[in-house]
Amino acid sequence: MQIIIEYESSWRNSFLDGSNNEPLPKGGRNFIASMTTLKQEGNYKKRSVSKDTVMGILNRLIGDQRKLYQARQDENYYFTEVEKVLQENDIVDHALNSNEMVYIRNVSGSTDQNSFTGEIKANDPSFSSSFSAELWGVLWFNLSEVSKFILDESYSVTYSEVLDPITVCNRIEVLSAEKPMDLTEDIQAVLDCLLNYFPDTKYLTAKKQLPLISIYASALYLQITRLSQRYDLSTVLTKSGGLSGISKSGFTKKDFMDRYTTGSKKLIWGNPYLLKEKKKGEGEIVSVLTKASGKLIINLNISKEQARDLEEKIENAGVSSFYLGKKGLAYVTDIRP
């Protein structure tokens, strides 16, 4: 028996983790197509027509709208014998693929890493206290000065400009944008000193380079230790004794500004489905959504009686169109028993 299906605009990517062929986990499947999670290994998922796809189509054609795993659990599952004989080479997919940029909705409650909401608390004690200039002034040192500050506990900090959350945030972003540095003799000395203070912190990249922001972020924590001997810093530190949004090796804007604004973190309601990767020997590779249109031929090695019975069930169900994969519109053009 042969069933011929034509389809248009079938999406060939998956936006959720886990499998659609098993019960939903508690809390549902996770959305993995945000700009952040897409960068993680294995989250850009390509899909093609498989045996499970075909079995889902056949169940839909006879009017069964249950999930495939639910139908398979039924004692009277109609396609038990078909499942045994259907092979991957019985499925012929003549697909014409195209790439398309789409904007997908994200209702998982993710927040924008680089945005904030509400009014800015410019007079927060972090920026208006007697020690504020000494604390944040570290960020305006050049590399030579910050290195001396780390190595020498008596090195003084002076800063005379007006401080506020935006000024400090902008300065940290400038430092974060700088490229990681190779380990010269001077930089190695600074790194050794930092590891002595913060042995649990991972400073180096995969290429054994030291990000500039890590030096300045750790310098802030060193300054906190030194200033706490002369000032009460409890009003500017978190419960864990740190700075909001600033770790000893990096910076997260949304967490930093969340402390110094009247609003909450800015929710993300969607993003382009886009992944940019740099591969050795290939340069930058851009991956977007794949759409497919074409013809699917399903060859079923079953008896004439089984073929007639299946054809009758398909005609009785009267399914005019259905999804093939995600978003695609498909319909049966011919049944050859």
Protein backbone atom coordinates (compact mmCIF):
# COMPACT_ATOMS: atom_id res chain seq x y z
CA MET A 1 0.00 0.00 0.00
CA GLN A 2 1.20 3.48 -0.83
CA ILE A 3 -0.01 6.77 0.66
CA ILE A 4 1.14 9.99 -1.01
CA ILE A 5 1.05 13.24 0.94
CA GLU A 6 1.90 16.74 -0.20
CA TYR A 7 2.81 19.42 2.32
CA GLU A 8 3.77 23.09 2.57
CA SER A 9 5.87 25.09 5.06
CA SER A 10 6.69 22.30 7.49
CA TRP A 11 8.97 23.68 10.23
CA ARG A 12 12.02 21.46 10.68
CA ASN A 13 13.31 22.70 14.04
CA SER A 14 12.34 21.99 17.64
CA PHE A 15 12.06 24.70 20.28
CA LEU A 16 11.58 22.49 23.37
CA ASP A 17 13.79 20.00 25.14
CA GLY A 18 12.80 16.40 25.79
CA SER A 19 10.65 14.33 23.45
CA ASN A 20 7.08 14.62 22.23
CA ASN A 21 6.95 10.83 22.30
CA GLU A 22 6.85 10.49 26.08
CA PRO A 23 4.67 11.83 28.93
CA LEU A 24 5.12 15.49 29.79
CA PRO A 25 7.43 16.07 32.78
CA LYS A 26 6.07 17.93 35.78
CA GLY A 27 6.14 21.61 34.84
CA GLY A 28 6.23 20.87 31.11
CA ARG A 29 9.10 20.82 28.63
CA ASN A 30 11.62 23.65 28.69
CA PHE A 31 11.85 26.36 26.02
CA ILE A 32 15.37 26.18 24.56
CA ALA A 33 15.07 28.62 21.65
CA SER A 34 15.84 31.88 23.43
CA MET A 35 18.89 33.85 22.28
CA THR A 36 20.80 32.68 25.37
CA THR A 37 19.86 28.99 25.47
CA LEU A 38 20.34 28.54 21.72
CA LYS A 39 24.06 29.12 22.22
CA GLN A 40 24.31 26.06 24.44
CA GLU A 41 25.54 22.86 22.82
CA GLY A 42 22.76 20.77 21.28
CA ASN A 43 19.92 23.28 21.68
CA TYR A 44 19.70 24.12 17.98
CA LYS A 45 17.64 21.09 16.99
CA LYS A 46 17.00 20.07 13.38
CA ARG A 47 14.14 17.69 12.66
CA SER A 48 13.27 15.44 9.72
CA VAL A 49 10.48 13.01 8.85
CA SER A 50 11.01 9.83 10.87
CA LYS A 51 9.10 6.63 11.58
CA ASP A 52 7.44 8.33 14.56
CA THR A 53 6.35 11.19 12.28
CA VAL A 54 4.73 8.74 9.86
CA MET A 55 3.01 6.78 12.62
CA GLY A 56 1.63 10.03 14.02
CA ILE A 57 0.29 10.92 10.55
CA LEU A 58 -1.35 7.52 10.08
CA ASN A 59 -3.06 7.76 13.48
CA ARG A 60 -4.28 11.25 12.63
CA LEU A 61 -5.65 10.08 9.27
CA ILE A 62 -7.91 7.50 10.93
CA GLY A 63 -9.19 10.13 13.38
CA ASP A 64 -7.03 9.32 16.43
CA GLN A 65 -5.85 12.63 17.91
CA ARG A 66 -4.04 11.26 20.94
CA LYS A 67 -0.30 11.65 21.41
CA LEU A 68 1.55 8.84 19.66
CA TYR A 69 2.91 7.37 22.91
CA GLN A 70 -0.66 7.31 24.29
CA ALA A 71 -2.02 5.52 21.23
CA ARG A 72 0.79 2.96 21.41
CA GLN A 73 -0.10 2.15 25.01
CA ASP A 74 -3.64 1.13 23.99
CA GLU A 75 -4.26 -2.63 24.06
CA ASN A 76 -6.23 -2.32 20.81
CA TYR A 77 -3.67 -0.12 19.04
CA TYR A 78 -4.66 -0.33 15.36
CA PHE A 79 -1.16 -0.04 13.90
CA THR A 80 0.59 -2.69 16.00
CA GLU A 81 1.35 -4.87 12.95
CA VAL A 82 2.23 -1.88 10.77
CA GLU A 83 4.81 -0.73 13.32
CA LYS A 84 6.53 -4.12 13.05
CA VAL A 85 6.98 -4.00 9.28
CA LEU A 86 7.51 -0.28 8.62
CA GLN A 87 11.18 0.51 7.95
CA GLU A 88 12.93 3.85 7.50
CA ASN A 89 13.54 3.06 3.80
CA ASP A 90 9.76 2.73 3.33
CA ILE A 91 9.52 6.48 3.98
CA VAL A 92 10.46 8.66 1.00
CA ASP A 93 10.53 12.39 1.67
CA HIS A 94 11.00 14.61 -1.39
CA ALA A 95 11.56 17.88 0.46
CA LEU A 96 12.60 21.29 -0.81
CA ASN A 97 14.16 23.11 2.13
CA SER A 98 14.40 26.86 2.60
CA ASN A 99 15.78 29.03 5.39
CA GLU A 100 13.67 31.76 6.94
CA MET A 101 14.03 34.27 9.75
CA VAL A 102 11.11 34.04 12.17
CA TYR A 103 10.28 35.75 15.46
CA ILE A 104 9.05 33.24 18.02
CA ARG A 105 7.10 33.89 21.20
CA ASN A 106 8.67 33.11 24.57
CA VAL A 107 6.24 32.91 27.48
CA SER A 108 8.57 31.07 29.86
CA GLY A 109 9.23 34.18 31.96
CA SER A 110 12.82 34.78 30.80
CA THR A 111 14.30 38.21 31.51
CA ASP A 112 16.44 40.45 29.32
CA GLN A 113 20.08 40.34 30.43
CA ASN A 114 20.78 43.87 29.22
CA SER A 115 17.65 45.81 30.20
CA PHE A 116 15.82 47.09 33.26
CA THR A 117 12.56 48.85 34.16
CA GLY A 118 11.51 51.62 36.53
CA GLU A 119 13.20 54.74 37.87
CA ILE A 120 16.91 54.72 38.71
CA LYS A 121 17.86 55.10 42.39
CA ALA A 122 20.66 57.60 41.85
CA ASN A 123 20.90 58.37 45.58
CA ASP A 124 21.34 54.77 46.68
CA PRO A 125 23.87 54.46 49.54
CA SER A 126 26.17 52.51 47.21
CA PHE A 127 26.87 55.74 45.31
CA SER A 128 26.26 58.48 47.89
CA SER A 129 28.16 57.21 50.94
CA SER A 130 31.51 58.48 52.18
CA PHE A 131 33.23 55.34 50.91
CA SER A 132 31.55 55.20 47.46
CA ALA A 133 34.38 56.95 45.59
CA GLU A 134 36.94 54.57 47.06
CA LEU A 135 34.80 51.53 46.24
CA TRP A 136 33.84 52.24 42.64
CA GLY A 137 36.92 54.29 41.78
CA VAL A 138 38.78 51.02 41.23
CA LEU A 139 36.90 50.66 37.95
CA TRP A 140 38.55 53.78 36.53
CA PHE A 141 42.11 52.56 37.09
CA ASN A 142 44.13 51.69 34.01
CA LEU A 143 45.57 48.16 33.82
CA SER A 144 48.86 49.13 35.43
CA GLU A 145 47.11 50.89 38.30
CA VAL A 146 44.62 48.11 39.01
CA SER A 147 47.47 45.58 38.98
CA LYS A 148 49.36 47.62 41.59
CA PHE A 149 46.15 47.95 43.63
CA ILE A 150 45.70 44.16 43.69
CA LEU A 151 49.33 43.46 44.60
CA ASP A 152 49.67 46.26 47.16
CA GLU A 153 47.13 46.48 50.01
CA SER A 154 48.18 50.04 50.82
CA TYR A 155 47.51 51.38 47.32
CA SER A 156 45.00 54.23 47.62
CA VAL A 157 41.95 54.91 45.45
CA THR A 158 40.81 58.41 44.52
CA TYR A 159 37.87 59.34 42.31
CA SER A 160 36.17 62.74 42.16
CA GLU A 161 33.41 62.39 39.55
CA VAL A 162 29.71 62.01 40.43
CA LEU A 163 28.66 58.37 40.79
CA ASP A 164 25.32 56.77 39.93
CA PRO A 165 24.15 53.33 38.74
CA ILE A 166 24.24 54.21 35.02
CA THR A 167 27.77 55.66 35.19
CA VAL A 168 29.10 52.56 36.95
CA CYS A 169 27.12 50.21 34.69
CA ASN A 170 28.45 51.88 31.54
CA ARG A 171 32.02 51.65 32.82
CA ILE A 172 31.68 47.93 33.60
CA GLU A 173 30.22 47.30 30.14
CA VAL A 174 33.25 49.00 28.57
CA LEU A 175 35.55 46.73 30.57
CA SER A 176 33.46 43.66 29.71
CA ALA A 177 33.79 44.40 25.99
CA GLU A 178 37.59 44.21 26.09
CA LYS A 179 39.22 41.07 24.69
CA PRO A 180 40.79 38.52 27.07
CA MET A 181 44.52 38.94 27.65
CA ASP A 182 47.38 36.50 27.23
CA LEU A 183 49.24 35.55 30.40
CA THR A 184 52.33 37.75 30.38
CA GLU A 185 54.63 37.75 33.40
CA ASP A 186 52.86 40.76 34.95
CA ILE A 187 49.35 39.40 34.30
CA GLN A 188 50.37 36.00 35.73
CA ALA A 189 51.51 37.73 38.93
CA VAL A 190 48.11 39.43 39.22
CA LEU A 191 46.30 36.14 38.55
CA ASP A 192 48.34 34.31 41.20
CA CYS A 193 47.48 37.00 43.72
CA LEU A 194 43.76 36.81 42.91
CA LEU A 195 43.78 33.01 43.18
CA ASN A 196 45.36 33.39 46.58
CA TYR A 197 42.41 35.55 47.70
CA PHE A 198 39.69 33.72 45.75
CA PRO A 199 40.86 30.12 45.12
CA ASP A 200 37.40 28.86 44.09
CA THR A 201 37.01 31.37 41.23
CA LYS A 202 37.57 30.22 37.66
CA TYR A 203 39.35 33.04 35.85
CA LEU A 204 40.79 31.66 32.61
CA THR A 205 38.94 31.04 29.35
CA ALA A 206 39.21 27.84 27.33
CA LYS A 207 42.17 29.43 25.52
CA LYS A 208 43.95 30.08 28.83
CA GLN A 209 43.41 33.83 28.61
CA LEU A 210 42.30 36.20 31.36
CA PRO A 211 39.28 38.48 30.72
CA LEU A 212 39.94 42.08 31.70
CA ILE A 213 36.59 42.36 33.51
CA SER A 214 37.64 39.53 35.84
CA ILE A 215 40.56 41.60 37.12
CA TYR A 216 38.37 44.63 37.85
CA ALA A 217 35.49 42.58 39.33
CA SER A 218 37.87 40.84 41.73
CA ALA A 219 39.49 44.19 42.53
CA LEU A 220 36.07 45.43 43.68
CA TYR A 221 35.79 42.49 46.09
CA LEU A 222 39.30 43.13 47.37
CA GLN A 223 38.30 46.74 47.99
CA ILE A 224 35.20 45.60 49.86
CA THR A 225 37.43 43.57 52.18
CA ARG A 226 39.77 46.50 52.75
CA LEU A 227 37.03 49.11 53.21
CA SER A 228 35.07 46.91 55.63
CA GLN A 229 37.89 47.42 58.13
CA ARG A 230 37.00 51.14 58.24
CA TYR A 231 33.34 51.38 57.18
CA ASP A 232 30.04 49.59 57.67
CA LEU A 233 29.19 48.31 54.16
CA SER A 234 26.06 46.39 55.10
CA THR A 235 23.79 48.86 53.25
CA VAL A 236 25.45 48.22 49.88
CA LEU A 237 26.10 44.48 50.00
CA THR A 238 23.77 41.55 49.41
CA LYS A 239 22.92 39.02 52.12
CA SER A 240 25.80 36.86 50.89
CA GLY A 241 28.22 39.78 51.24
CA GLY A 242 28.61 40.55 47.54
CA LEU A 243 27.58 43.15 44.97
CA SER A 244 24.37 42.57 43.02
CA GLY A 245 25.09 41.51 39.45
CA ILE A 246 28.86 41.44 39.96
CA SER A 247 30.73 38.22 40.66
CA LYS A 248 34.47 37.90 41.15
CA SER A 249 34.86 37.09 37.46
CA GLY A 250 32.08 38.90 35.60
CA PHE A 251 29.02 41.11 35.38
CA THR A 252 25.29 40.67 34.67
CA LYS A 253 23.55 43.94 33.85
CA LYS A 254 19.97 42.88 34.68
CA ASP A 255 20.94 41.76 38.20
CA PHE A 256 23.04 44.86 38.81
CA MET A 257 20.31 47.30 37.75
CA ASP A 258 17.59 45.31 39.50
CA ARG A 259 18.95 46.54 42.85
CA TYR A 260 19.16 50.17 41.75
CA THR A 261 15.78 50.64 40.04
CA THR A 262 12.19 50.78 41.26
CA GLY A 263 10.93 48.29 38.67
CA SER A 264 11.40 44.58 38.18
CA LYS A 265 13.54 42.78 35.63
CA LYS A 266 12.36 43.25 32.04
CA LEU A 267 10.53 40.22 30.68
CA ILE A 268 11.32 38.81 27.24
CA TRP A 269 8.26 38.00 25.12
CA GLY A 270 10.06 36.63 22.10
CA ASN A 271 13.18 36.66 19.96
CA PRO A 272 14.42 35.90 16.44
CA TYR A 273 15.23 32.22 15.94
CA LEU A 274 18.88 32.79 15.12
CA LEU A 275 22.15 31.11 16.05
CA LYS A 276 25.57 32.49 15.13
CA GLU A 277 28.59 30.22 15.54
CA LYS A 278 32.24 30.63 14.67
CA LYS A 279 33.78 27.41 13.35
CA LYS A 280 37.43 26.89 12.60
CA GLY A 281 38.08 26.90 8.87
CA GLU A 282 34.50 27.99 8.07
CA GLY A 283 34.15 31.39 9.71
CA GLU A 284 30.81 32.55 11.08
CA ILE A 285 27.92 30.15 10.50
CA VAL A 286 24.40 31.57 10.76
CA SER A 287 21.57 29.10 11.43
CA VAL A 288 17.89 30.07 11.20
CA LEU A 289 14.59 28.23 10.86
CA THR A 290 14.34 25.55 8.17
CA LYS A 291 11.06 25.21 6.28
CA ALA A 292 10.28 22.32 3.97
CA SER A 293 7.71 21.81 1.23
CA GLY A 294 7.33 18.72 -0.91
CA LYS A 295 5.92 15.22 -1.18
CA LEU A 296 5.98 12.38 1.34
CA ILE A 297 5.52 8.82 0.12
CA ILE A 298 4.67 6.13 2.70
CA ASN A 299 5.06 2.52 1.54
CA LEU A 300 3.30 -0.02 3.77
CA ASN A 301 4.12 -3.70 3.34
CA ILE A 302 0.71 -5.03 4.42
CA SER A 303 -1.87 -7.42 2.95
CA LYS A 304 -4.63 -6.33 0.57
CA GLU A 305 -7.26 -6.86 3.28
CA GLN A 306 -5.34 -4.66 5.71
CA ALA A 307 -4.85 -2.04 2.99
CA ARG A 308 -8.57 -1.93 2.16
CA ASP A 309 -9.48 -1.68 5.83
CA LEU A 310 -7.00 1.17 6.39
CA GLU A 311 -8.21 3.02 3.29
CA GLU A 312 -11.81 2.70 4.50
CA LYS A 313 -10.90 4.05 7.94
CA ILE A 314 -9.08 7.02 6.36
CA GLU A 315 -12.07 7.82 4.14
CA ASN A 316 -14.51 7.49 7.05
CA ALA A 317 -12.45 9.83 9.23
CA GLY A 318 -12.51 12.46 6.48
CA VAL A 319 -9.43 14.35 7.62
CA SER A 320 -8.98 17.07 4.99
CA SER A 321 -5.71 18.63 6.17
CA PHE A 322 -3.33 18.18 9.07
CA TYR A 323 0.05 19.23 10.43
CA LEU A 324 3.22 17.55 9.24
CA GLY A 325 5.71 18.27 11.97
CA LYS A 326 5.33 21.81 13.26
CA LYS A 327 3.15 24.40 11.50
CA GLY A 328 3.15 22.62 8.14
CA LEU A 329 -0.07 22.13 6.18
CA ALA A 330 -0.38 18.64 4.68
CA TYR A 331 -3.02 16.66 2.80
CA VAL A 332 -3.36 13.23 1.17
CA THR A 333 -3.26 13.36 -2.63
CA ASP A 334 -3.44 9.63 -3.41
CA ILE A 335 -3.95 6.25 -1.75
CA ARG A 336 -2.89 3.17 -3.70
CA PRO A 337 -4.04 0.00 -1.93
